[in-house]
C-alpha atoms as a PDB file:
ATOM      1  CA  MET A   1       0.000   0.000   0.000  1.00  0.00           C
ATOM      2  CA  LYS A   2       1.182   3.508  -0.806  1.00  0.00           C
ATOM      3  CA  ILE A   3       1.416   6.004   2.037  1.00  0.00           C
ATOM      4  CA  LEU A   4      -0.198   8.904   0.211  1.00  0.00           C
ATOM      5  CA  SER A   5      -2.436   9.094  -2.845  1.00  0.00           C
ATOM      6  CA  VAL A   6      -2.577  12.518  -4.466  1.00  0.00           C
ATOM      7  CA  THR A   7      -5.216  13.274  -7.059  1.00  0.00           C
ATOM      8  CA  VAL A   8      -4.445  15.964  -9.644  1.00  0.00           C
ATOM      9  CA  PRO A   9      -7.740  16.953 -11.354  1.00  0.00           C
ATOM     10  CA  CYS A  10      -7.025  18.271 -14.859  1.00  0.00           C
ATOM     11  CA  TYR A  11      -9.220  19.971 -17.404  1.00  0.00           C
ATOM     12  CA  ASN A  12      -7.367  21.522 -20.333  1.00  0.00           C
ATOM     13  CA  SER A  13      -4.386  21.874 -18.019  1.00  0.00           C
ATOM     14  CA  ALA A  14      -1.613  21.116 -20.521  1.00  0.00           C
ATOM     15  CA  GLU A  15      -0.035  24.524 -20.081  1.00  0.00           C
ATOM     16  CA  TYR A  16       0.712  24.158 -16.362  1.00  0.00           C
ATOM     17  CA  MET A  17      -0.090  20.654 -15.021  1.00  0.00           C
ATOM     18  CA  SER A  18       3.547  19.542 -15.199  1.00  0.00           C
ATOM     19  CA  ASN A  19       4.419  21.962 -12.393  1.00  0.00           C
ATOM     20  CA  ALA A  20       2.013  20.150 -10.076  1.00  0.00           C
ATOM     21  CA  VAL A  21       3.136  16.656 -11.084  1.00  0.00           C
ATOM     22  CA  GLU A  22       6.855  17.450 -10.984  1.00  0.00           C
ATOM     23  CA  SER A  23       6.514  18.903  -7.486  1.00  0.00           C
ATOM     24  CA  LEU A  24       5.048  15.579  -6.288  1.00  0.00           C
ATOM     25  CA  LEU A  25       7.545  13.211  -7.918  1.00  0.00           C
ATOM     26  CA  PRO A  26      10.222  13.646  -5.189  1.00  0.00           C
ATOM     27  CA  GLY A  27       7.897  11.578  -2.996  1.00  0.00           C
ATOM     28  CA  GLY A  28       9.124   8.518  -4.899  1.00  0.00           C
ATOM     29  CA  GLU A  29       7.546   5.148  -4.209  1.00  0.00           C
ATOM     30  CA  ASP A  30       5.797   6.381  -1.058  1.00  0.00           C
ATOM     31  CA  ILE A  31       3.421   8.421  -3.163  1.00  0.00           C
ATOM     32  CA  GLU A  32       0.767   7.650  -5.751  1.00  0.00           C
ATOM     33  CA  ILE A  33      -0.026  10.440  -8.215  1.00  0.00           C
ATOM     34  CA  ILE A  34      -3.434  10.032  -9.828  1.00  0.00           C
ATOM     35  CA  ILE A  35      -3.822  12.374 -12.794  1.00  0.00           C
ATOM     36  CA  VAL A  36      -7.488  12.625 -13.745  1.00  0.00           C
ATOM     37  CA  ASP A  37      -8.059  13.934 -17.255  1.00  0.00           C
ATOM     38  CA  ASP A  38     -11.611  15.246 -17.000  1.00  0.00           C
ATOM     39  CA  GLY A  39     -12.563  15.306 -20.676  1.00  0.00           C
ATOM     40  CA  SER A  40      -9.840  17.710 -21.809  1.00  0.00           C
ATOM     41  CA  SER A  41      -9.586  18.803 -25.432  1.00  0.00           C
ATOM     42  CA  ASP A  42      -5.932  19.916 -25.342  1.00  0.00           C
ATOM     43  CA  ASP A  43      -2.799  17.794 -24.696  1.00  0.00           C
ATOM     44  CA  THR A  44      -3.698  17.022 -21.070  1.00  0.00           C
ATOM     45  CA  ALA A  45      -4.446  13.346 -21.841  1.00  0.00           C
ATOM     46  CA  LYS A  46      -1.127  12.868 -23.659  1.00  0.00           C
ATOM     47  CA  ILE A  47       0.862  14.498 -20.866  1.00  0.00           C
ATOM     48  CA  ALA A  48      -0.892  12.310 -18.288  1.00  0.00           C
ATOM     49  CA  ASP A  49      -0.162   9.157 -20.298  1.00  0.00           C
ATOM     50  CA  ASP A  50       3.473  10.196 -20.778  1.00  0.00           C
ATOM     51  CA  TYR A  51       3.936  10.545 -17.022  1.00  0.00           C
ATOM     52  CA  ALA A  52       2.236   7.200 -16.383  1.00  0.00           C
ATOM     53  CA  ALA A  53       4.524   5.514 -18.928  1.00  0.00           C
ATOM     54  CA  LYS A  54       7.643   7.120 -17.491  1.00  0.00           C
ATOM     55  CA  TYR A  55       6.738   6.460 -13.825  1.00  0.00           C
ATOM     56  CA  PRO A  56       4.525   3.352 -13.965  1.00  0.00           C
ATOM     57  CA  THR A  57       4.816   2.564 -10.247  1.00  0.00           C
ATOM     58  CA  ILE A  58       4.057   6.135  -9.161  1.00  0.00           C
ATOM     59  CA  VAL A  59       1.681   7.756 -11.666  1.00  0.00           C
ATOM     60  CA  LYS A  60      -1.768   6.638 -12.768  1.00  0.00           C
ATOM     61  CA  ALA A  61      -3.580   8.325 -15.660  1.00  0.00           C
ATOM     62  CA  ILE A  62      -7.366   8.234 -15.612  1.00  0.00           C
ATOM     63  CA  HIS A  63      -9.465   9.518 -18.500  1.00  0.00           C
ATOM     64  CA  GLN A  64     -13.152  10.301 -18.183  1.00  0.00           C
ATOM     65  CA  SER A  65     -15.829  12.420 -19.834  1.00  0.00           C
ATOM     66  CA  ASN A  66     -16.107  15.890 -18.425  1.00  0.00           C
ATOM     67  CA  GLY A  67     -17.786  15.968 -15.028  1.00  0.00           C
ATOM     68  CA  GLY A  68     -16.134  18.920 -13.363  1.00  0.00           C
ATOM     69  CA  HIS A  69     -13.746  19.228 -10.429  1.00  0.00           C
ATOM     70  CA  GLY A  70     -15.926  17.172  -8.099  1.00  0.00           C
ATOM     71  CA  ALA A  71     -16.143  14.278 -10.534  1.00  0.00           C
ATOM     72  CA  ALA A  72     -12.343  14.309 -10.934  1.00  0.00           C
ATOM     73  CA  VAL A  73     -11.848  14.193  -7.161  1.00  0.00           C
ATOM     74  CA  ASN A  74     -14.396  11.371  -6.947  1.00  0.00           C
ATOM     75  CA  ALA A  75     -12.405   9.402  -9.526  1.00  0.00           C
ATOM     76  CA  GLY A  76      -9.271   9.948  -7.482  1.00  0.00           C
ATOM     77  CA  MET A  77     -10.913   8.683  -4.301  1.00  0.00           C
ATOM     78  CA  GLU A  78     -12.252   5.614  -6.109  1.00  0.00           C
ATOM     79  CA  ASN A  79      -8.835   4.684  -7.510  1.00  0.00           C
ATOM     80  CA  ALA A  80      -6.636   5.611  -4.544  1.00  0.00           C
ATOM     81  CA  THR A  81      -4.594   2.836  -2.937  1.00  0.00           C
ATOM     82  CA  GLY A  82      -2.783   5.027  -0.416  1.00  0.00           C
ATOM     83  CA  MET A  83      -3.617   5.049   3.277  1.00  0.00           C
ATOM     84  CA  TYR A  84      -3.991   8.827   3.079  1.00  0.00           C
ATOM     85  CA  PHE A  85      -5.553  11.038   0.419  1.00  0.00           C
ATOM     86  CA  LYS A  86      -4.928  14.569  -0.835  1.00  0.00           C
ATOM     87  CA  VAL A  87      -5.990  16.766  -3.745  1.00  0.00           C
ATOM     88  CA  VAL A  88      -3.498  19.021  -5.538  1.00  0.00           C
ATOM     89  CA  ASP A  89      -5.076  21.138  -8.263  1.00  0.00           C
ATOM     90  CA  SER A  90      -3.318  21.172 -11.612  1.00  0.00           C
ATOM     91  CA  ASP A  91      -2.318  24.851 -11.399  1.00  0.00           C
ATOM     92  CA  ASP A  92      -0.885  24.505  -7.889  1.00  0.00           C
ATOM     93  CA  LYS A  93       2.192  22.759  -6.500  1.00  0.00           C
ATOM     94  CA  VAL A  94       3.814  21.515  -3.284  1.00  0.00           C
ATOM     95  CA  GLY A  95       7.166  22.276  -1.702  1.00  0.00           C
ATOM     96  CA  GLU A  96       9.721  19.462  -1.928  1.00  0.00           C
ATOM     97  CA  ASP A  97      11.157  19.689   1.591  1.00  0.00           C
ATOM     98  CA  ALA A  98       7.682  19.936   3.076  1.00  0.00           C
ATOM     99  CA  LEU A  99       6.500  16.966   0.974  1.00  0.00           C
ATOM    100  CA  LEU A 100       9.241  14.767   2.387  1.00  0.00           C
ATOM    101  CA  LYS A 101       8.374  15.832   5.952  1.00  0.00           C
ATOM    102  CA  VAL A 102       4.694  15.117   5.304  1.00  0.00           C
ATOM    103  CA  LEU A 103       5.513  11.642   3.984  1.00  0.00           C
ATOM    104  CA  ASP A 104       7.829  10.884   6.921  1.00  0.00           C
ATOM    105  CA  THR A 105       5.086  11.930   9.335  1.00  0.00           C
ATOM    106  CA  LEU A 106       2.405   9.870   7.602  1.00  0.00           C
ATOM    107  CA  LYS A 107       4.764   6.898   7.343  1.00  0.00           C
ATOM    108  CA  TYR A 108       5.125   6.925  11.115  1.00  0.00           C
ATOM    109  CA  PHE A 109       1.363   6.851  11.618  1.00  0.00           C
ATOM    110  CA  THR A 110       0.879   3.943   9.216  1.00  0.00           C
ATOM    111  CA  THR A 111       2.603   1.799  11.858  1.00  0.00           C
ATOM    112  CA  GLU A 112       0.292   2.946  14.669  1.00  0.00           C
ATOM    113  CA  ASP A 113      -2.636   0.826  15.880  1.00  0.00           C
ATOM    114  CA  THR A 114      -4.817   3.956  15.824  1.00  0.00           C
ATOM    115  CA  PRO A 115      -3.630   6.139  12.927  1.00  0.00           C
ATOM    116  CA  ILE A 116      -4.527   9.797  12.629  1.00  0.00           C
ATOM    117  CA  ASP A 117      -7.641  10.745  10.687  1.00  0.00           C
ATOM    118  CA  MET A 118      -6.335  14.034   9.305  1.00  0.00           C
ATOM    119  CA  LEU A 119      -2.999  15.764   8.880  1.00  0.00           C
ATOM    120  CA  ILE A 120      -3.028  19.561   8.641  1.00  0.00           C
ATOM    121  CA  SER A 121      -0.234  21.673   7.152  1.00  0.00           C
ATOM    122  CA  ASN A 122       0.237  25.278   6.027  1.00  0.00           C
ATOM    123  CA  PHE A 123      -0.484  26.633   2.568  1.00  0.00           C
ATOM    124  CA  VAL A 124       0.826  29.670   0.725  1.00  0.00           C
ATOM    125  CA  TYR A 125      -1.203  32.087  -1.398  1.00  0.00           C
ATOM    126  CA  ASP A 126       1.024  31.954  -4.473  1.00  0.00           C
ATOM    127  CA  LYS A 127      -0.351  35.171  -5.939  1.00  0.00           C
ATOM    128  CA  VAL A 128       0.820  36.513  -9.297  1.00  0.00           C
ATOM    129  CA  GLY A 129       2.990  39.609  -8.984  1.00  0.00           C
ATOM    130  CA  VAL A 130       3.707  39.155  -5.268  1.00  0.00           C
ATOM    131  CA  ALA A 131       7.321  38.544  -4.204  1.00  0.00           C
ATOM    132  CA  ASP A 132       7.987  35.197  -2.520  1.00  0.00           C
ATOM    133  CA  ASP A 133       8.843  36.813   0.814  1.00  0.00           C
ATOM    134  CA  LYS A 134       5.576  38.793   0.710  1.00  0.00           C
ATOM    135  CA  LYS A 135       3.222  35.916  -0.058  1.00  0.00           C
ATOM    136  CA  LYS A 136       0.662  35.196   2.619  1.00  0.00           C
ATOM    137  CA  VAL A 137       1.128  31.951   4.547  1.00  0.00           C
ATOM    138  CA  MET A 138      -1.905  30.328   6.153  1.00  0.00           C
ATOM    139  CA  SER A 139      -0.466  28.807   9.300  1.00  0.00           C
ATOM    140  CA  PHE A 140      -2.299  27.173  12.184  1.00  0.00           C
ATOM    141  CA  GLU A 141       0.409  27.890  14.727  1.00  0.00           C
ATOM    142  CA  GLY A 142      -1.231  28.984  17.949  1.00  0.00           C
ATOM    143  CA  ILE A 143      -4.511  27.357  16.953  1.00  0.00           C
ATOM    144  CA  MET A 144      -3.389  23.735  16.886  1.00  0.00           C
ATOM    145  CA  PRO A 145      -0.744  22.046  19.032  1.00  0.00           C
ATOM    146  CA  GLN A 146       2.416  20.777  17.379  1.00  0.00           C
ATOM    147  CA  ASN A 147       4.303  17.496  17.603  1.00  0.00           C
ATOM    148  CA  PHE A 148       1.549  15.349  19.104  1.00  0.00           C
ATOM    149  CA  VAL A 149      -1.816  13.853  18.191  1.00  0.00           C
ATOM    150  CA  PHE A 150      -4.789  15.893  19.377  1.00  0.00           C
ATOM    151  CA  ASP A 151      -8.572  16.003  19.180  1.00  0.00           C
ATOM    152  CA  TRP A 152     -11.046  18.863  18.699  1.00  0.00           C
ATOM    153  CA  GLU A 153     -11.074  19.837  22.356  1.00  0.00           C
ATOM    154  CA  ILE A 154      -7.404  20.831  22.182  1.00  0.00           C
ATOM    155  CA  THR A 155      -7.819  23.289  19.301  1.00  0.00           C
ATOM    156  CA  SER A 156      -8.118  27.014  19.956  1.00  0.00           C
ATOM    157  CA  HIS A 157     -10.753  29.329  18.533  1.00  0.00           C
ATOM    158  CA  PHE A 158     -10.501  29.773  14.756  1.00  0.00           C
ATOM    159  CA  LYS A 159     -10.535  33.441  13.784  1.00  0.00           C
ATOM    160  CA  PRO A 160     -11.866  34.707  10.408  1.00  0.00           C
ATOM    161  CA  GLY A 161      -9.411  33.700   7.714  1.00  0.00           C
ATOM    162  CA  ASP A 162      -8.028  30.776   9.732  1.00  0.00           C
ATOM    163  CA  TYR A 163     -10.256  28.083   8.287  1.00  0.00           C
ATOM    164  CA  MET A 164      -8.928  24.881   6.801  1.00  0.00           C
ATOM    165  CA  LEU A 165      -9.246  24.708   3.037  1.00  0.00           C
ATOM    166  CA  MET A 166      -8.653  21.743   0.740  1.00  0.00           C
ATOM    167  CA  HIS A 167      -5.039  22.874   0.507  1.00  0.00           C
ATOM    168  CA  SER A 168      -4.582  22.413   4.264  1.00  0.00           C
ATOM    169  CA  VAL A 169      -5.738  18.853   4.777  1.00  0.00           C
ATOM    170  CA  ILE A 170      -4.835  15.237   4.145  1.00  0.00           C
ATOM    171  CA  PHE A 171      -7.528  12.717   5.128  1.00  0.00           C
ATOM    172  CA  ARG A 172      -7.217   9.058   5.954  1.00  0.00           C
ATOM    173  CA  THR A 173      -8.641   7.478   2.801  1.00  0.00           C
ATOM    174  CA  GLN A 174     -10.857   5.011   4.645  1.00  0.00           C
ATOM    175  CA  ILE A 175     -12.777   7.843   6.310  1.00  0.00           C
ATOM    176  CA  LEU A 176     -13.812   9.199   2.916  1.00  0.00           C
ATOM    177  CA  ARG A 177     -14.815   5.715   1.764  1.00  0.00           C
ATOM    178  CA  ASP A 178     -16.722   4.794   4.926  1.00  0.00           C
ATOM    179  CA  MET A 179     -18.843   7.945   4.667  1.00  0.00           C
ATOM    180  CA  ASP A 180     -19.215   7.371   0.902  1.00  0.00           C
ATOM    181  CA  LEU A 181     -18.292  10.959   0.100  1.00  0.00           C
ATOM    182  CA  LYS A 182     -19.410  11.905  -3.391  1.00  0.00           C
ATOM    183  CA  LEU A 183     -18.890  15.444  -4.630  1.00  0.00           C
ATOM    184  CA  PRO A 184     -21.438  16.884  -7.093  1.00  0.00           C
ATOM    185  CA  ARG A 185     -20.663  16.906 -10.820  1.00  0.00           C
ATOM    186  CA  HIS A 186     -20.378  20.015 -12.987  1.00  0.00           C
ATOM    187  CA  THR A 187     -20.182  22.258  -9.941  1.00  0.00           C
ATOM    188  CA  PHE A 188     -17.467  24.653  -8.832  1.00  0.00           C
ATOM    189  CA  TYR A 189     -16.559  25.298  -5.172  1.00  0.00           C
ATOM    190  CA  VAL A 190     -17.087  21.671  -4.119  1.00  0.00           C
ATOM    191  CA  ASP A 191     -13.815  21.899  -2.183  1.00  0.00           C
ATOM    192  CA  ASN A 192     -15.924  23.488   0.582  1.00  0.00           C
ATOM    193  CA  ILE A 193     -17.894  20.255   0.876  1.00  0.00           C
ATOM    194  CA  PHE A 194     -14.641  18.267   0.914  1.00  0.00           C
ATOM    195  CA  VAL A 195     -13.377  20.122   3.992  1.00  0.00           C
ATOM    196  CA  PHE A 196     -16.763  20.222   5.736  1.00  0.00           C
ATOM    197  CA  GLU A 197     -18.614  16.914   5.691  1.00  0.00           C
ATOM    198  CA  PRO A 198     -15.643  14.615   6.505  1.00  0.00           C
ATOM    199  CA  LEU A 199     -14.839  16.607   9.656  1.00  0.00           C
ATOM    200  CA  LEU A 200     -17.797  14.983  11.387  1.00  0.00           C
ATOM    201  CA  HIS A 201     -15.807  11.738  11.230  1.00  0.00           C
ATOM    202  CA  VAL A 202     -12.398  13.143  12.152  1.00  0.00           C
ATOM    203  CA  GLU A 203     -11.233  12.551  15.733  1.00  0.00           C
ATOM    204  CA  ARG A 204      -7.433  12.199  15.740  1.00  0.00           C
ATOM    205  CA  MET A 205      -5.455  15.021  14.122  1.00  0.00           C
ATOM    206  CA  TYR A 206      -1.836  16.082  13.707  1.00  0.00           C
ATOM    207  CA  TYR A 207      -0.562  19.518  12.697  1.00  0.00           C
ATOM    208  CA  LEU A 208       2.722  19.733  10.786  1.00  0.00           C
ATOM    209  CA  ASN A 209       3.954  23.330  10.715  1.00  0.00           C
ATOM    210  CA  VAL A 210       5.434  23.351   7.206  1.00  0.00           C
ATOM    211  CA  ASN A 211       4.528  25.352   4.104  1.00  0.00           C
ATOM    212  CA  PHE A 212       3.404  22.398   2.041  1.00  0.00           C
ATOM    213  CA  TYR A 213       0.855  23.628  -0.524  1.00  0.00           C
ATOM    214  CA  TYR A 214       1.289  26.559  -2.919  1.00  0.00           C
ATOM    215  CA  TYR A 215      -2.130  27.819  -3.993  1.00  0.00           C
ATOM    216  CA  PHE A 216      -1.835  29.713  -7.271  1.00  0.00           C
ATOM    217  CA  ILE A 217      -3.977  32.828  -7.652  1.00  0.00           C
ATOM    218  CA  GLY A 218      -3.918  35.103 -10.660  1.00  0.00           C
ATOM    219  CA  ARG A 219      -5.544  33.697 -13.791  1.00  0.00           C
ATOM    220  CA  GLU A 220      -8.413  35.877 -15.006  1.00  0.00           C
ATOM    221  CA  ASP A 221     -10.589  32.811 -15.650  1.00  0.00           C
ATOM    222  CA  GLN A 222      -9.852  31.244 -12.268  1.00  0.00           C
ATOM    223  CA  SER A 223     -12.936  30.037 -10.394  1.00  0.00           C
ATOM    224  CA  VAL A 224     -12.081  32.121  -7.303  1.00  0.00           C
ATOM    225  CA  ASN A 225     -11.819  35.342  -9.306  1.00  0.00           C
ATOM    226  CA  GLU A 226     -14.533  37.599  -7.877  1.00  0.00           C
ATOM    227  CA  SER A 227     -16.164  38.479 -11.206  1.00  0.00           C
ATOM    228  CA  VAL A 228     -16.173  34.795 -12.192  1.00  0.00           C
ATOM    229  CA  MET A 229     -17.753  33.855  -8.856  1.00  0.00           C
ATOM    230  CA  VAL A 230     -20.572  36.347  -9.405  1.00  0.00           C
ATOM    231  CA  LYS A 231     -21.340  34.719 -12.769  1.00  0.00           C
ATOM    232  CA  ARG A 232     -21.279  31.286 -11.123  1.00  0.00           C
ATOM    233  CA  VAL A 233     -23.263  32.246  -8.045  1.00  0.00           C
ATOM    234  CA  ASP A 234     -25.817  29.470  -8.661  1.00  0.00           C
ATOM    235  CA  GLN A 235     -23.054  26.894  -8.219  1.00  0.00           C
ATOM    236  CA  GLN A 236     -21.915  28.594  -5.017  1.00  0.00           C
ATOM    237  CA  LEU A 237     -25.532  28.448  -3.823  1.00  0.00           C
ATOM    238  CA  SER A 238     -25.794  24.760  -4.727  1.00  0.00           C
ATOM    239  CA  VAL A 239     -22.792  24.006  -2.508  1.00  0.00           C
ATOM    240  CA  ASN A 240     -24.167  26.284   0.225  1.00  0.00           C
ATOM    241  CA  TYR A 241     -27.534  24.492   0.232  1.00  0.00           C
ATOM    242  CA  ARG A 242     -25.880  21.079   0.461  1.00  0.00           C
ATOM    243  CA  MET A 243     -23.792  22.247   3.429  1.00  0.00           C
ATOM    244  CA  LEU A 244     -26.905  23.611   5.128  1.00  0.00           C
ATOM    245  CA  ASP A 245     -28.707  20.293   4.580  1.00  0.00           C
ATOM    246  CA  PHE A 246     -25.758  18.362   5.988  1.00  0.00           C
ATOM    247  CA  TYR A 247     -25.518  20.594   9.055  1.00  0.00           C
ATOM    248  CA  ILE A 248     -29.255  20.474   9.810  1.00  0.00           C
ATOM    249  CA  THR A 249     -29.574  16.732   9.157  1.00  0.00           C
ATOM    250  CA  ASN A 250     -26.583  15.876  11.362  1.00  0.00           C
ATOM    251  CA  LYS A 251     -27.125  18.561  13.990  1.00  0.00           C
ATOM    252  CA  SER A 252     -27.592  16.165  16.903  1.00  0.00           C
ATOM    253  CA  GLU A 253     -24.349  14.327  16.073  1.00  0.00           C
ATOM    254  CA  ILE A 254     -22.471  17.593  15.437  1.00  0.00           C
ATOM    255  CA  LYS A 255     -23.526  19.001  18.821  1.00  0.00           C
ATOM    256  CA  LYS A 256     -21.883  16.106  20.675  1.00  0.00           C
ATOM    257  CA  ASN A 257     -18.515  17.852  20.358  1.00  0.00           C
ATOM    258  CA  LYS A 258     -18.695  21.541  21.285  1.00  0.00           C
ATOM    259  CA  ARG A 259     -15.434  22.649  19.630  1.00  0.00           C
ATOM    260  CA  ARG A 260     -16.125  20.826  16.374  1.00  0.00           C
ATOM    261  CA  ALA A 261     -19.690  22.143  16.348  1.00  0.00           C
ATOM    262  CA  GLN A 262     -18.348  25.670  16.748  1.00  0.00           C
ATOM    263  CA  TYR A 263     -15.908  25.192  13.875  1.00  0.00           C
ATOM    264  CA  LEU A 264     -18.510  23.695  11.518  1.00  0.00           C
ATOM    265  CA  TYR A 265     -21.004  26.446  12.258  1.00  0.00           C
ATOM    266  CA  ASN A 266     -18.388  29.165  11.724  1.00  0.00           C
ATOM    267  CA  TYR A 267     -17.374  27.657   8.398  1.00  0.00           C
ATOM    268  CA  LEU A 268     -21.002  27.362   7.295  1.00  0.00           C
ATOM    269  CA  GLU A 269     -21.516  31.003   8.290  1.00  0.00           C
ATOM    270  CA  ILE A 270     -18.567  32.089   6.140  1.00  0.00           C
ATOM    271  CA  ILE A 271     -19.842  30.160   3.093  1.00  0.00           C
ATOM    272  CA  THR A 272     -23.327  31.630   3.543  1.00  0.00           C
ATOM    273  CA  THR A 273     -21.877  35.120   3.865  1.00  0.00           C
ATOM    274  CA  VAL A 274     -19.904  34.609   0.645  1.00  0.00           C
ATOM    275  CA  SER A 275     -23.125  33.591  -1.119  1.00  0.00           C
ATOM    276  CA  MET A 276     -24.877  36.731   0.086  1.00  0.00           C
ATOM    277  CA  VAL A 277     -21.964  38.954  -0.907  1.00  0.00           C
ATOM    278  CA  LEU A 278     -21.965  37.518  -4.434  1.00  0.00           C
ATOM    279  CA  LEU A 279     -25.698  38.105  -4.730  1.00  0.00           C
ATOM    280  CA  LEU A 280     -25.222  41.684  -3.531  1.00  0.00           C
ATOM    281  CA  LEU A 281     -22.436  42.200  -6.062  1.00  0.00           C
ATOM    282  CA  ASP A 282     -24.788  40.936  -8.769  1.00  0.00           C
ATOM    283  CA  GLY A 283     -27.407  43.408  -7.592  1.00  0.00           C
ATOM    284  CA  SER A 284     -30.192  42.275  -9.942  1.00  0.00           C
ATOM    285  CA  ARG A 285     -33.777  41.728  -8.821  1.00  0.00           C
ATOM    286  CA  GLU A 286     -33.298  38.007  -9.410  1.00  0.00           C
ATOM    287  CA  ALA A 287     -30.209  37.996  -7.176  1.00  0.00           C
ATOM    288  CA  ILE A 288     -32.048  39.802  -4.371  1.00  0.00           C
ATOM    289  CA  ASP A 289     -34.831  37.214  -4.620  1.00  0.00           C
ATOM    290  CA  LYS A 290     -32.254  34.426  -4.355  1.00  0.00           C
ATOM    291  CA  ARG A 291     -30.840  36.111  -1.249  1.00  0.00           C
ATOM    292  CA  THR A 292     -34.310  36.131   0.295  1.00  0.00           C
ATOM    293  CA  ALA A 293     -34.814  32.480  -0.661  1.00  0.00           C
ATOM    294  CA  LEU A 294     -31.531  31.526   1.012  1.00  0.00           C
ATOM    295  CA  LEU A 295     -32.578  33.205   4.267  1.00  0.00           C
ATOM    296  CA  GLU A 296     -35.960  31.470   4.102  1.00  0.00           C
ATOM    297  CA  TYR A 297     -34.216  28.131   3.582  1.00  0.00           C
ATOM    298  CA  ILE A 298     -32.055  28.694   6.679  1.00  0.00           C
ATOM    299  CA  ALA A 299     -35.217  29.612   8.616  1.00  0.00           C
ATOM    300  CA  ARG A 300     -36.348  25.962   8.348  1.00  0.00           C
ATOM    301  CA  ASP A 301     -34.159  25.538  11.426  1.00  0.00           C
ATOM    302  CA  LYS A 302     -35.132  28.266  13.886  1.00  0.00           C
ATOM    303  CA  MET A 303     -32.031  27.987  16.063  1.00  0.00           C
ATOM    304  CA  LEU A 304     -29.683  28.095  13.065  1.00  0.00           C
ATOM    305  CA  TYR A 305     -31.541  31.051  11.575  1.00  0.00           C
ATOM    306  CA  THR A 306     -31.448  33.014  14.837  1.00  0.00           C
ATOM    307  CA  LYS A 307     -27.742  32.353  15.276  1.00  0.00           C
ATOM    308  CA  PHE A 308     -26.927  33.451  11.731  1.00  0.00           C
ATOM    309  CA  ARG A 309     -29.405  36.311  11.363  1.00  0.00           C
ATOM    310  CA  PHE A 310     -28.368  38.040  14.579  1.00  0.00           C
ATOM    311  CA  GLY A 311     -24.652  37.238  14.442  1.00  0.00           C
ATOM    312  CA  ILE A 312     -22.157  39.777  13.121  1.00  0.00           C
ATOM    313  CA  CYS A 313     -22.057  38.413   9.553  1.00  0.00           C
ATOM    314  CA  GLY A 314     -25.805  37.916   9.300  1.00  0.00           C
ATOM    315  CA  THR A 315     -26.586  41.349  10.694  1.00  0.00           C
ATOM    316  CA  ILE A 316     -24.237  43.080   8.247  1.00  0.00           C
ATOM    317  CA  MET A 317     -25.391  41.027   5.254  1.00  0.00           C
ATOM    318  CA  THR A 318     -29.103  41.609   5.840  1.00  0.00           C
ATOM    319  CA  LEU A 319     -29.188  45.373   6.331  1.00  0.00           C
ATOM    320  CA  PRO A 320     -32.464  46.584   4.743  1.00  0.00           C
ATOM    321  CA  GLY A 321     -32.882  48.670   1.624  1.00  0.00           C
ATOM    322  CA  LYS A 322     -30.481  49.892  -1.035  1.00  0.00           C
ATOM    323  CA  SER A 323     -28.381  51.862   1.464  1.00  0.00           C
ATOM    324  CA  GLY A 324     -28.162  48.777   3.659  1.00  0.00           C
ATOM    325  CA  ARG A 325     -26.894  46.694   0.751  1.00  0.00           C
ATOM    326  CA  LEU A 326     -24.254  49.336   0.012  1.00  0.00           C
ATOM    327  CA  MET A 327     -23.148  49.263   3.649  1.00  0.00           C
ATOM    328  CA  SER A 328     -22.951  45.461   3.487  1.00  0.00           C
ATOM    329  CA  LEU A 329     -20.695  45.624   0.437  1.00  0.00           C
ATOM    330  CA  SER A 330     -18.510  48.271   2.081  1.00  0.00           C
ATOM    331  CA  ALA A 331     -18.053  45.990   5.092  1.00  0.00           C
ATOM    332  CA  TYR A 332     -17.152  43.115   2.755  1.00  0.00           C
ATOM    333  CA  LYS A 333     -14.538  45.205   0.930  1.00  0.00           C
ATOM    334  CA  LEU A 334     -13.002  46.227   4.250  1.00  0.00           C
ATOM    335  CA  ALA A 335     -12.828  42.594   5.407  1.00  0.00           C
ATOM    336  CA  GLN A 336     -11.388  41.580   2.031  1.00  0.00           C
ATOM    337  CA  LYS A 337      -8.574  44.114   2.424  1.00  0.00           C
ATOM    338  CA  PHE A 338      -7.935  43.256   6.069  1.00  0.00           C
ATOM    339  CA  TYR A 339      -7.815  39.477   5.611  1.00  0.00           C
ATOM    340  CA  ASN A 340      -6.158  39.654   2.166  1.00  0.00           C
ATOM    341  CA  PHE A 341      -8.447  37.090   0.559  1.00  0.00           C
ATOM    342  CA  ASN A 342      -9.125  36.922  -3.172  1.00  0.00           C
END
């Protein structure tokens, strides 16, 4: 069995996918690189096959009809043979020294009777035009303990901007299989589901304070580009609604652990706030109606609605009238500048 399976979802990624794959190859035989060609029309399939031919014991090439990022991650999970599982997007990369430390750490836990469920590491916002020494590092130092296994009760309070993204986490593969995680097809922003639903099943964690993942930001067509997100707001809402359903359906189980419940609610609040901001940025009558529909959907659970509606984010995002919406957007722009998010 491999220690770590890494899925690299690719769609027309020929121009840059080699950077991701090459950054993973120093892992040698401990790593399994699963390149998923998600119905590409450029040379992605050929590049994937070339890597699989050159490194037959390390690289797998999977070809499928286009299903979107979620479908590519699903294919990776289905074909993974490693004890642990990670996603590295085709326009991102990992640091070599950090990769070797991650593999050494995971290798140790493969020999334990009770292995960890999730390893957390730092990621870097690899933003175009920003010098290396100025790039923002998302570290969990001071939030999570270092050098020993811990559970949710040991974590500190997560502040805004401190949340774990797909770039931060490596899950034990069996957890994802036992819960039968399936991400939706033809939908952007499914990474939020990937770092939300599995946490209900995570108990044993380990934080490795290394800058492992380099998250590229800068392409004009990138899914996290603000103008692109406004155009794709329905996909953001689809993810938001699924997360709300999961939270409400599993509320009794979530509430059993106070610290985890706090984290999951805070993350859900952030995703809901993002949805409302995008609808405000759209500004059309249809978008305002969708904003109202989202609030009405949350109101199915009175306690959840009260907590969101009268919390800081909910209060700011639901200010009445045109002037209220302008104030909401001003608050968003201020937070965007302060927390340096894209």
